[in-house]
Amino acid sequence: MSWYTATVAARSDALPVSVATVKDRCAIDTASDDALLEMMIAEIATVIEQSCNLSLWPRTLVAQCDGWEDLQRLPDGPVKPGSKPAITYTKPDGQEAVLDPASYRLRCRELDAWLEPVRRWPQAHRGAPVTVTYEVGFAELPLDLRLGIIMRVAEIYGRPENQAAEKITDFDRLLVNWRRGA
C-alpha cells in the first residue's frame, strides 16, 4: 500500500520569509538585489521542504493512495489545523463518491496527521484509489525555520563563491527537529 505523488491544487505566492525581513536582518540597504534575494529565499525554502518533507508555503494538495489503511498517515505536512480534508473514493458498483465529512476525523500530533473513521471506512471498489484533498503549510513559519532561511541567505549573499562546507552546519542544526518521516 502506498501514496502517490500529490499534485498542488492551490499555492500561496507569498514567500515564507519576506525580502524586507531578510534585508533588515542582514543589513542589506540596496533595492537592486531584491529579485536576487527573492530567488534565494525561494530556493532555500525549497531545499528545506525537500530535506525535511515539509510544506513551508500554504497549499492545497490532492493525493491518491491505494486504500483506507494508507490514511493512517498523510504523506505531506504539516496539515493545517482545523482543516477538513475531502475524501473521494470509488464504490463497489464503480460510482465515484465523496465521503461525508462527518464520517471521519482529522487527527494531528506535531508534524504528523492521519484520518480515522468515526465508525469504519465504507466498502470501496477493489484496486481503485482513494483521493484526499487537504491543506498543508505553516500559518506562521516557526522561528528556527525562519532563522535558517535568513542565515543561509546571509551566508550565500555575503560569499557567493563556493567554499568547502562543514560537515554539520548551524543551518543543519536548525532543521534537525523538523525532519518529517525520514
N, C-alpha and C. Protein backbone atom coordinates (compact mmCIF):
# COMPACT_ATOMS: atom_id res chain seq x y z
N MET A 1 0.83 -1.17 0.00
CA MET A 1 0.00 0.00 0.00
C MET A 1 0.88 1.24 0.00
N SER A 2 0.41 2.28 -0.68
CA SER A 2 1.25 3.47 -0.74
C SER A 2 0.49 4.68 -1.22
N TRP A 3 1.15 5.83 -1.05
CA TRP A 3 0.68 7.10 -1.55
C TRP A 3 1.41 7.40 -2.86
N TYR A 4 0.75 8.11 -3.74
CA TYR A 4 1.35 8.56 -4.98
C TYR A 4 1.65 10.05 -4.85
N THR A 5 2.53 10.55 -5.67
CA THR A 5 2.94 11.95 -5.59
C THR A 5 1.72 12.87 -5.68
N ALA A 6 1.63 13.77 -4.73
CA ALA A 6 0.50 14.71 -4.68
C ALA A 6 0.66 15.80 -5.73
N THR A 7 -0.45 16.31 -6.18
CA THR A 7 -0.44 17.46 -7.07
C THR A 7 -0.89 18.68 -6.27
N VAL A 8 -0.37 19.83 -6.63
CA VAL A 8 -0.71 21.07 -5.95
C VAL A 8 -1.91 21.68 -6.65
N ALA A 9 -3.02 21.80 -5.91
CA ALA A 9 -4.23 22.39 -6.46
C ALA A 9 -4.24 23.90 -6.29
N ALA A 10 -3.62 24.39 -5.23
CA ALA A 10 -3.53 25.84 -4.97
C ALA A 10 -2.31 26.08 -4.09
N ARG A 11 -1.65 27.25 -4.31
CA ARG A 11 -0.45 27.57 -3.55
C ARG A 11 -0.38 29.06 -3.31
N SER A 12 0.09 29.42 -2.14
CA SER A 12 0.31 30.83 -1.82
C SER A 12 1.55 31.31 -2.56
N ASP A 13 1.51 32.54 -3.05
CA ASP A 13 2.66 33.12 -3.73
C ASP A 13 3.59 33.85 -2.77
N ALA A 14 3.12 34.08 -1.55
CA ALA A 14 3.93 34.82 -0.57
C ALA A 14 5.12 33.96 -0.13
N LEU A 15 6.29 34.59 -0.04
CA LEU A 15 7.48 33.88 0.43
C LEU A 15 7.33 33.55 1.91
N PRO A 16 7.95 32.45 2.37
CA PRO A 16 7.87 32.11 3.79
C PRO A 16 8.55 33.15 4.68
N VAL A 17 9.55 33.85 4.15
CA VAL A 17 10.21 34.96 4.84
C VAL A 17 10.29 36.09 3.81
N SER A 18 9.88 37.27 4.20
CA SER A 18 9.84 38.38 3.24
C SER A 18 11.25 38.90 2.93
N VAL A 19 11.37 39.49 1.76
CA VAL A 19 12.63 40.13 1.36
C VAL A 19 12.97 41.24 2.35
N ALA A 20 11.97 41.99 2.79
CA ALA A 20 12.21 43.08 3.74
C ALA A 20 12.79 42.55 5.05
N THR A 21 12.29 41.42 5.53
CA THR A 21 12.81 40.83 6.77
C THR A 21 14.27 40.42 6.59
N VAL A 22 14.58 39.77 5.48
CA VAL A 22 15.96 39.34 5.21
C VAL A 22 16.87 40.56 5.10
N LYS A 23 16.43 41.60 4.41
CA LYS A 23 17.25 42.80 4.26
C LYS A 23 17.51 43.46 5.62
N ASP A 24 16.48 43.54 6.46
CA ASP A 24 16.65 44.12 7.80
C ASP A 24 17.64 43.32 8.63
N ARG A 25 17.47 42.00 8.64
CA ARG A 25 18.32 41.13 9.47
C ARG A 25 19.75 41.05 8.96
N CYS A 26 19.93 41.18 7.64
CA CYS A 26 21.27 41.05 7.04
C CYS A 26 21.92 42.39 6.74
N ALA A 27 21.27 43.48 7.13
CA ALA A 27 21.79 44.83 6.91
C ALA A 27 22.09 45.09 5.43
N ILE A 28 21.16 44.71 4.58
CA ILE A 28 21.27 44.96 3.14
C ILE A 28 20.43 46.20 2.86
N ASP A 29 21.06 47.25 2.36
CA ASP A 29 20.33 48.51 2.20
C ASP A 29 20.14 48.92 0.74
N THR A 30 20.32 48.01 -0.17
CA THR A 30 20.11 48.33 -1.58
C THR A 30 18.88 47.60 -2.11
N ALA A 31 18.16 48.25 -2.98
CA ALA A 31 16.97 47.63 -3.59
C ALA A 31 17.33 46.89 -4.87
N SER A 32 18.56 47.07 -5.35
CA SER A 32 18.94 46.47 -6.63
C SER A 32 19.03 44.95 -6.58
N ASP A 33 19.16 44.38 -5.38
CA ASP A 33 19.26 42.92 -5.27
C ASP A 33 17.97 42.26 -4.78
N ASP A 34 16.87 42.98 -4.78
CA ASP A 34 15.62 42.41 -4.28
C ASP A 34 15.20 41.15 -5.04
N ALA A 35 15.32 41.16 -6.35
CA ALA A 35 14.94 39.98 -7.14
C ALA A 35 15.86 38.80 -6.83
N LEU A 36 17.14 39.07 -6.65
CA LEU A 36 18.09 38.02 -6.28
C LEU A 36 17.75 37.45 -4.91
N LEU A 37 17.46 38.31 -3.94
CA LEU A 37 17.11 37.86 -2.60
C LEU A 37 15.82 37.03 -2.61
N GLU A 38 14.85 37.48 -3.39
CA GLU A 38 13.59 36.73 -3.52
C GLU A 38 13.86 35.32 -4.06
N MET A 39 14.70 35.23 -5.08
CA MET A 39 15.05 33.93 -5.66
C MET A 39 15.79 33.06 -4.63
N MET A 40 16.71 33.65 -3.88
CA MET A 40 17.46 32.90 -2.88
C MET A 40 16.54 32.37 -1.78
N ILE A 41 15.62 33.20 -1.31
CA ILE A 41 14.68 32.78 -0.27
C ILE A 41 13.85 31.60 -0.77
N ALA A 42 13.33 31.70 -1.99
CA ALA A 42 12.52 30.62 -2.56
C ALA A 42 13.34 29.33 -2.71
N GLU A 43 14.57 29.45 -3.17
CA GLU A 43 15.42 28.26 -3.34
C GLU A 43 15.75 27.61 -2.00
N ILE A 44 16.09 28.40 -1.01
CA ILE A 44 16.43 27.85 0.31
C ILE A 44 15.19 27.21 0.94
N ALA A 45 14.03 27.84 0.79
CA ALA A 45 12.79 27.26 1.31
C ALA A 45 12.50 25.93 0.63
N THR A 46 12.76 25.83 -0.66
CA THR A 46 12.55 24.58 -1.39
C THR A 46 13.50 23.50 -0.88
N VAL A 47 14.75 23.85 -0.60
CA VAL A 47 15.71 22.90 -0.05
C VAL A 47 15.21 22.39 1.30
N ILE A 48 14.70 23.29 2.14
CA ILE A 48 14.16 22.88 3.45
C ILE A 48 12.98 21.94 3.25
N GLU A 49 12.08 22.29 2.34
CA GLU A 49 10.92 21.43 2.08
C GLU A 49 11.35 20.03 1.67
N GLN A 50 12.31 19.95 0.76
CA GLN A 50 12.74 18.65 0.26
C GLN A 50 13.51 17.85 1.31
N SER A 51 14.36 18.51 2.09
CA SER A 51 15.16 17.76 3.05
C SER A 51 14.37 17.40 4.31
N CYS A 52 13.33 18.16 4.63
CA CYS A 52 12.54 17.89 5.84
C CYS A 52 11.18 17.26 5.55
N ASN A 53 10.80 17.17 4.27
CA ASN A 53 9.48 16.65 3.88
C ASN A 53 8.37 17.49 4.53
N LEU A 54 8.50 18.79 4.39
CA LEU A 54 7.55 19.76 4.92
C LEU A 54 7.05 20.67 3.81
N SER A 55 5.92 21.30 4.06
CA SER A 55 5.43 22.35 3.17
C SER A 55 5.54 23.67 3.92
N LEU A 56 6.45 24.52 3.49
CA LEU A 56 6.59 25.83 4.13
C LEU A 56 5.52 26.79 3.62
N TRP A 57 5.19 26.69 2.34
CA TRP A 57 4.15 27.53 1.75
C TRP A 57 2.79 26.89 2.01
N PRO A 58 1.79 27.66 2.40
CA PRO A 58 0.45 27.09 2.47
C PRO A 58 0.01 26.66 1.07
N ARG A 59 -0.53 25.47 0.97
CA ARG A 59 -1.00 24.96 -0.31
C ARG A 59 -2.07 23.91 -0.10
N THR A 60 -2.85 23.69 -1.14
CA THR A 60 -3.85 22.63 -1.15
C THR A 60 -3.33 21.52 -2.03
N LEU A 61 -3.29 20.31 -1.48
CA LEU A 61 -2.78 19.14 -2.20
C LEU A 61 -3.89 18.16 -2.52
N VAL A 62 -3.71 17.46 -3.62
CA VAL A 62 -4.59 16.35 -3.99
C VAL A 62 -3.69 15.14 -4.10
N ALA A 63 -3.92 14.16 -3.21
CA ALA A 63 -3.08 12.96 -3.17
C ALA A 63 -3.94 11.71 -3.27
N GLN A 64 -3.38 10.69 -3.90
CA GLN A 64 -4.08 9.42 -4.02
C GLN A 64 -3.30 8.32 -3.33
N CYS A 65 -4.05 7.39 -2.74
CA CYS A 65 -3.44 6.24 -2.10
C CYS A 65 -4.17 4.97 -2.53
N ASP A 66 -3.61 3.83 -2.16
CA ASP A 66 -4.17 2.55 -2.58
C ASP A 66 -5.42 2.13 -1.81
N GLY A 67 -5.56 2.58 -0.58
CA GLY A 67 -6.71 2.14 0.21
C GLY A 67 -6.83 2.85 1.53
N TRP A 68 -7.87 2.50 2.28
CA TRP A 68 -8.17 3.16 3.54
C TRP A 68 -7.04 3.07 4.55
N GLU A 69 -6.32 1.96 4.57
CA GLU A 69 -5.25 1.81 5.57
C GLU A 69 -4.14 2.85 5.40
N ASP A 70 -3.99 3.38 4.19
CA ASP A 70 -2.97 4.41 3.96
C ASP A 70 -3.30 5.73 4.66
N LEU A 71 -4.56 5.92 5.03
CA LEU A 71 -4.96 7.17 5.69
C LEU A 71 -4.46 7.25 7.12
N GLN A 72 -3.77 6.21 7.59
CA GLN A 72 -3.19 6.22 8.93
C GLN A 72 -2.03 7.21 9.03
N ARG A 73 -1.56 7.70 7.87
CA ARG A 73 -0.53 8.75 7.88
C ARG A 73 -0.61 9.52 6.57
N LEU A 74 -0.93 10.80 6.65
CA LEU A 74 -0.95 11.62 5.44
C LEU A 74 0.49 11.90 5.03
N PRO A 75 0.78 11.87 3.72
CA PRO A 75 2.17 11.92 3.28
C PRO A 75 2.85 13.28 3.36
N ASP A 76 2.11 14.36 3.41
CA ASP A 76 2.69 15.69 3.42
C ASP A 76 2.20 16.45 4.65
N GLY A 77 3.00 17.37 5.10
CA GLY A 77 2.60 18.11 6.28
C GLY A 77 3.42 19.37 6.43
N PRO A 78 3.17 20.14 7.43
CA PRO A 78 2.13 19.92 8.42
C PRO A 78 0.75 20.22 7.85
N VAL A 79 -0.22 19.45 8.28
CA VAL A 79 -1.60 19.67 7.84
C VAL A 79 -2.14 20.86 8.62
N LYS A 80 -2.85 21.71 7.92
CA LYS A 80 -3.40 22.92 8.53
C LYS A 80 -4.38 22.54 9.64
N PRO A 81 -4.13 23.00 10.87
CA PRO A 81 -5.03 22.68 11.98
C PRO A 81 -6.44 23.19 11.70
N GLY A 82 -7.42 22.39 12.06
CA GLY A 82 -8.81 22.78 11.88
C GLY A 82 -9.35 22.60 10.47
N SER A 83 -8.50 22.20 9.53
CA SER A 83 -8.99 22.00 8.16
C SER A 83 -9.74 20.67 8.08
N LYS A 84 -10.53 20.52 7.05
CA LYS A 84 -11.28 19.28 6.88
C LYS A 84 -10.95 18.72 5.50
N PRO A 85 -10.09 17.71 5.46
CA PRO A 85 -9.77 17.10 4.16
C PRO A 85 -11.02 16.53 3.50
N ALA A 86 -11.02 16.53 2.17
CA ALA A 86 -12.11 15.93 1.40
C ALA A 86 -11.63 14.59 0.86
N ILE A 87 -12.47 13.57 0.97
CA ILE A 87 -12.11 12.23 0.53
C ILE A 87 -13.07 11.78 -0.56
N THR A 88 -12.49 11.34 -1.68
CA THR A 88 -13.26 10.78 -2.78
C THR A 88 -12.80 9.35 -2.99
N TYR A 89 -13.74 8.45 -3.24
CA TYR A 89 -13.41 7.04 -3.47
C TYR A 89 -14.36 6.46 -4.49
N THR A 90 -14.11 5.25 -4.91
CA THR A 90 -14.97 4.57 -5.86
C THR A 90 -15.73 3.46 -5.13
N LYS A 91 -17.06 3.50 -5.22
CA LYS A 91 -17.89 2.49 -4.57
C LYS A 91 -17.74 1.15 -5.31
N PRO A 92 -18.15 0.06 -4.68
CA PRO A 92 -18.04 -1.25 -5.33
C PRO A 92 -18.75 -1.32 -6.69
N ASP A 93 -19.81 -0.51 -6.89
CA ASP A 93 -20.53 -0.52 -8.17
C ASP A 93 -19.85 0.34 -9.25
N GLY A 94 -18.67 0.94 -8.91
CA GLY A 94 -17.92 1.73 -9.88
C GLY A 94 -18.24 3.21 -9.87
N GLN A 95 -19.18 3.64 -9.06
CA GLN A 95 -19.56 5.06 -8.98
C GLN A 95 -18.59 5.82 -8.08
N GLU A 96 -18.19 7.02 -8.52
CA GLU A 96 -17.37 7.91 -7.69
C GLU A 96 -18.24 8.45 -6.57
N ALA A 97 -17.67 8.58 -5.37
CA ALA A 97 -18.42 9.11 -4.24
C ALA A 97 -17.53 10.01 -3.41
N VAL A 98 -18.13 11.04 -2.85
CA VAL A 98 -17.44 11.92 -1.90
C VAL A 98 -17.91 11.48 -0.52
N LEU A 99 -16.96 11.18 0.33
CA LEU A 99 -17.28 10.71 1.67
C LEU A 99 -17.80 11.86 2.53
N ASP A 100 -18.84 11.61 3.28
CA ASP A 100 -19.41 12.62 4.17
C ASP A 100 -18.37 13.01 5.21
N PRO A 101 -18.03 14.31 5.31
CA PRO A 101 -17.01 14.75 6.28
C PRO A 101 -17.34 14.40 7.73
N ALA A 102 -18.60 14.17 8.04
CA ALA A 102 -18.97 13.80 9.41
C ALA A 102 -18.60 12.35 9.72
N SER A 103 -18.19 11.58 8.71
CA SER A 103 -17.90 10.16 8.92
C SER A 103 -16.42 9.88 9.22
N TYR A 104 -15.61 10.93 9.27
CA TYR A 104 -14.18 10.74 9.59
C TYR A 104 -13.64 11.96 10.31
N ARG A 105 -12.48 11.77 10.96
CA ARG A 105 -11.83 12.85 11.71
C ARG A 105 -10.38 13.01 11.28
N LEU A 106 -9.93 14.24 11.29
CA LEU A 106 -8.50 14.54 11.09
C LEU A 106 -7.86 14.57 12.46
N ARG A 107 -6.77 13.84 12.61
CA ARG A 107 -6.01 13.81 13.85
C ARG A 107 -4.60 14.32 13.54
N CYS A 108 -4.08 15.17 14.41
CA CYS A 108 -2.74 15.72 14.22
C CYS A 108 -1.95 15.59 15.53
N ARG A 109 -0.68 15.24 15.38
CA ARG A 109 0.24 15.25 16.52
C ARG A 109 1.57 15.73 15.97
N GLU A 110 1.99 16.90 16.46
CA GLU A 110 3.20 17.55 16.00
C GLU A 110 3.15 17.71 14.48
N LEU A 111 4.05 17.08 13.74
CA LEU A 111 4.08 17.24 12.28
C LEU A 111 3.30 16.16 11.55
N ASP A 112 2.84 15.14 12.26
CA ASP A 112 2.13 14.04 11.61
C ASP A 112 0.62 14.22 11.71
N ALA A 113 -0.07 13.74 10.67
CA ALA A 113 -1.53 13.80 10.64
C ALA A 113 -2.06 12.53 10.02
N TRP A 114 -3.26 12.15 10.43
CA TRP A 114 -3.89 10.96 9.87
C TRP A 114 -5.39 11.17 9.90
N LEU A 115 -6.09 10.33 9.16
CA LEU A 115 -7.54 10.35 9.12
C LEU A 115 -8.05 9.04 9.70
N GLU A 116 -9.09 9.13 10.50
CA GLU A 116 -9.68 7.92 11.04
C GLU A 116 -11.19 7.99 10.92
N PRO A 117 -11.81 6.84 10.68
CA PRO A 117 -13.28 6.84 10.54
C PRO A 117 -13.96 7.00 11.89
N VAL A 118 -15.15 7.56 11.88
CA VAL A 118 -15.94 7.64 13.11
C VAL A 118 -16.36 6.22 13.49
N ARG A 119 -16.80 5.44 12.52
CA ARG A 119 -17.15 4.04 12.78
C ARG A 119 -16.20 3.13 12.01
N ARG A 120 -16.37 3.07 10.70
CA ARG A 120 -15.47 2.30 9.84
C ARG A 120 -15.55 2.88 8.43
N TRP A 121 -14.50 2.62 7.66
CA TRP A 121 -14.48 3.12 6.28
C TRP A 121 -15.49 2.35 5.45
N PRO A 122 -16.10 2.99 4.46
CA PRO A 122 -17.07 2.28 3.61
C PRO A 122 -16.35 1.29 2.69
N GLN A 123 -17.09 0.38 2.16
CA GLN A 123 -16.52 -0.58 1.21
C GLN A 123 -16.22 0.18 -0.09
N ALA A 124 -15.05 -0.09 -0.64
CA ALA A 124 -14.62 0.60 -1.86
C ALA A 124 -14.35 -0.42 -2.95
N HIS A 125 -14.34 0.06 -4.19
CA HIS A 125 -14.02 -0.79 -5.34
C HIS A 125 -12.58 -1.26 -5.22
N ARG A 126 -12.39 -2.54 -5.35
CA ARG A 126 -11.04 -3.10 -5.21
C ARG A 126 -10.13 -2.56 -6.32
N GLY A 127 -8.97 -2.05 -5.92
CA GLY A 127 -7.99 -1.54 -6.88
C GLY A 127 -8.16 -0.09 -7.26
N ALA A 128 -9.27 0.53 -6.86
CA ALA A 128 -9.48 1.95 -7.18
C ALA A 128 -8.84 2.80 -6.08
N PRO A 129 -8.19 3.90 -6.46
CA PRO A 129 -7.53 4.73 -5.44
C PRO A 129 -8.52 5.54 -4.60
N VAL A 130 -8.05 5.92 -3.44
CA VAL A 130 -8.76 6.86 -2.58
C VAL A 130 -8.05 8.20 -2.78
N THR A 131 -8.81 9.26 -3.01
CA THR A 131 -8.23 10.59 -3.24
C THR A 131 -8.54 11.49 -2.05
N VAL A 132 -7.52 12.16 -1.56
CA VAL A 132 -7.67 13.07 -0.42
C VAL A 132 -7.18 14.46 -0.85
N THR A 133 -8.01 15.46 -0.62
CA THR A 133 -7.65 16.85 -0.88
C THR A 133 -7.54 17.53 0.48
N TYR A 134 -6.36 18.09 0.77
CA TYR A 134 -6.14 18.68 2.08
C TYR A 134 -5.17 19.84 2.02
N GLU A 135 -5.18 20.64 3.10
CA GLU A 135 -4.36 21.84 3.18
C GLU A 135 -3.14 21.60 4.07
N VAL A 136 -1.99 22.03 3.58
CA VAL A 136 -0.75 21.90 4.34
C VAL A 136 -0.02 23.24 4.40
N GLY A 137 1.00 23.30 5.23
CA GLY A 137 1.82 24.50 5.34
C GLY A 137 1.65 25.18 6.67
N PHE A 138 2.56 26.06 6.97
CA PHE A 138 2.54 26.79 8.23
C PHE A 138 1.77 28.09 8.06
N ALA A 139 0.91 28.40 9.03
CA ALA A 139 0.24 29.70 9.05
C ALA A 139 1.30 30.77 9.33
N GLU A 140 2.20 30.47 10.25
CA GLU A 140 3.34 31.33 10.55
C GLU A 140 4.56 30.43 10.68
N LEU A 141 5.61 30.75 9.96
CA LEU A 141 6.81 29.93 9.96
C LEU A 141 7.44 29.91 11.35
N PRO A 142 7.75 28.73 11.89
CA PRO A 142 8.41 28.65 13.19
C PRO A 142 9.76 29.37 13.18
N LEU A 143 10.14 29.87 14.34
CA LEU A 143 11.34 30.69 14.49
C LEU A 143 12.59 30.03 13.92
N ASP A 144 12.85 28.76 14.23
CA ASP A 144 14.10 28.15 13.77
C ASP A 144 14.12 27.94 12.26
N LEU A 145 12.97 27.70 11.62
CA LEU A 145 12.95 27.60 10.16
C LEU A 145 13.15 28.97 9.52
N ARG A 146 12.50 29.98 10.10
CA ARG A 146 12.69 31.35 9.59
C ARG A 146 14.15 31.78 9.74
N LEU A 147 14.73 31.49 10.90
CA LEU A 147 16.13 31.84 11.15
C LEU A 147 17.05 31.09 10.20
N GLY A 148 16.74 29.83 9.91
CA GLY A 148 17.55 29.04 8.97
C GLY A 148 17.59 29.67 7.59
N ILE A 149 16.44 30.14 7.11
CA ILE A 149 16.38 30.79 5.80
C ILE A 149 17.22 32.07 5.82
N ILE A 150 17.06 32.88 6.86
CA ILE A 150 17.80 34.14 6.95
C ILE A 150 19.30 33.87 7.02
N MET A 151 19.71 32.89 7.83
CA MET A 151 21.14 32.58 7.95
C MET A 151 21.74 32.12 6.62
N ARG A 152 21.02 31.26 5.89
CA ARG A 152 21.54 30.77 4.61
C ARG A 152 21.61 31.90 3.59
N VAL A 153 20.62 32.77 3.55
CA VAL A 153 20.69 33.91 2.63
C VAL A 153 21.90 34.77 2.97
N ALA A 154 22.10 35.07 4.25
CA ALA A 154 23.24 35.90 4.66
C ALA A 154 24.55 35.24 4.27
N GLU A 155 24.64 33.94 4.45
CA GLU A 155 25.86 33.22 4.12
C GLU A 155 26.13 33.24 2.61
N ILE A 156 25.13 32.96 1.83
CA ILE A 156 25.30 32.90 0.37
C ILE A 156 25.47 34.30 -0.22
N TYR A 157 24.69 35.26 0.25
CA TYR A 157 24.76 36.62 -0.27
C TYR A 157 26.12 37.25 0.03
N GLY A 158 26.64 36.99 1.22
CA GLY A 158 27.92 37.57 1.61
C GLY A 158 29.12 36.86 1.00
N ARG A 159 28.93 35.63 0.52
CA ARG A 159 30.03 34.84 -0.02
C ARG A 159 29.49 33.99 -1.18
N PRO A 160 29.30 34.60 -2.35
CA PRO A 160 28.70 33.87 -3.46
C PRO A 160 29.57 32.76 -4.04
N GLU A 161 30.88 32.79 -3.81
CA GLU A 161 31.74 31.74 -4.35
C GLU A 161 31.64 30.49 -3.47
N ASN A 162 31.90 29.34 -4.05
CA ASN A 162 31.83 28.09 -3.30
C ASN A 162 33.06 27.92 -2.41
N GLN A 163 32.82 27.42 -1.22
CA GLN A 163 33.89 27.07 -0.30
C GLN A 163 33.58 25.70 0.28
N ALA A 164 34.59 25.07 0.84
CA ALA A 164 34.37 23.78 1.48
C ALA A 164 33.38 23.97 2.63
N ALA A 165 32.40 23.10 2.69
CA ALA A 165 31.37 23.20 3.73
C ALA A 165 31.74 22.34 4.93
N GLU A 166 31.29 22.79 6.09
CA GLU A 166 31.45 21.98 7.29
C GLU A 166 30.55 20.75 7.16
N LYS A 167 30.88 19.71 7.91
CA LYS A 167 30.05 18.51 7.85
C LYS A 167 28.65 18.79 8.39
N ILE A 168 28.56 19.44 9.54
CA ILE A 168 27.27 19.81 10.11
C ILE A 168 27.32 21.31 10.37
N THR A 169 26.39 22.02 9.76
CA THR A 169 26.36 23.48 9.87
C THR A 169 25.29 23.93 10.86
N ASP A 170 25.28 25.21 11.19
CA ASP A 170 24.22 25.77 12.03
C ASP A 170 22.87 25.62 11.33
N PHE A 171 22.87 25.74 10.02
CA PHE A 171 21.65 25.55 9.23
C PHE A 171 21.11 24.14 9.46
N ASP A 172 21.96 23.13 9.40
CA ASP A 172 21.55 21.74 9.65
C ASP A 172 20.99 21.59 11.06
N ARG A 173 21.64 22.22 12.01
CA ARG A 173 21.21 22.12 13.41
C ARG A 173 19.81 22.72 13.61
N LEU A 174 19.51 23.78 12.89
CA LEU A 174 18.18 24.38 13.00
C LEU A 174 17.10 23.50 12.40
N LEU A 175 17.45 22.68 11.42
CA LEU A 175 16.46 21.84 10.73
C LEU A 175 16.26 20.47 11.37
N VAL A 176 17.17 20.04 12.21
CA VAL A 176 17.18 18.65 12.68
C VAL A 176 15.85 18.21 13.30
N ASN A 177 15.19 19.07 14.03
CA ASN A 177 13.93 18.67 14.67
C ASN A 177 12.72 18.80 13.75
N TRP A 178 12.94 19.25 12.52
CA TRP A 178 11.84 19.43 11.58
C TRP A 178 11.83 18.36 10.50
N ARG A 179 12.72 17.42 10.54
CA ARG A 179 12.74 16.37 9.52
C ARG A 179 11.59 15.42 9.76
N ARG A 180 10.70 15.34 8.79
CA ARG A 180 9.46 14.60 8.93
C ARG A 180 9.50 13.33 8.11
N GLY A 181 9.28 12.21 8.78
CA GLY A 181 9.17 10.93 8.07
C GLY A 181 10.45 10.39 7.52
N ALA A 182 11.59 10.92 7.93
CA ALA A 182 12.87 10.45 7.41
C ALA A 182 13.35 9.22 8.15
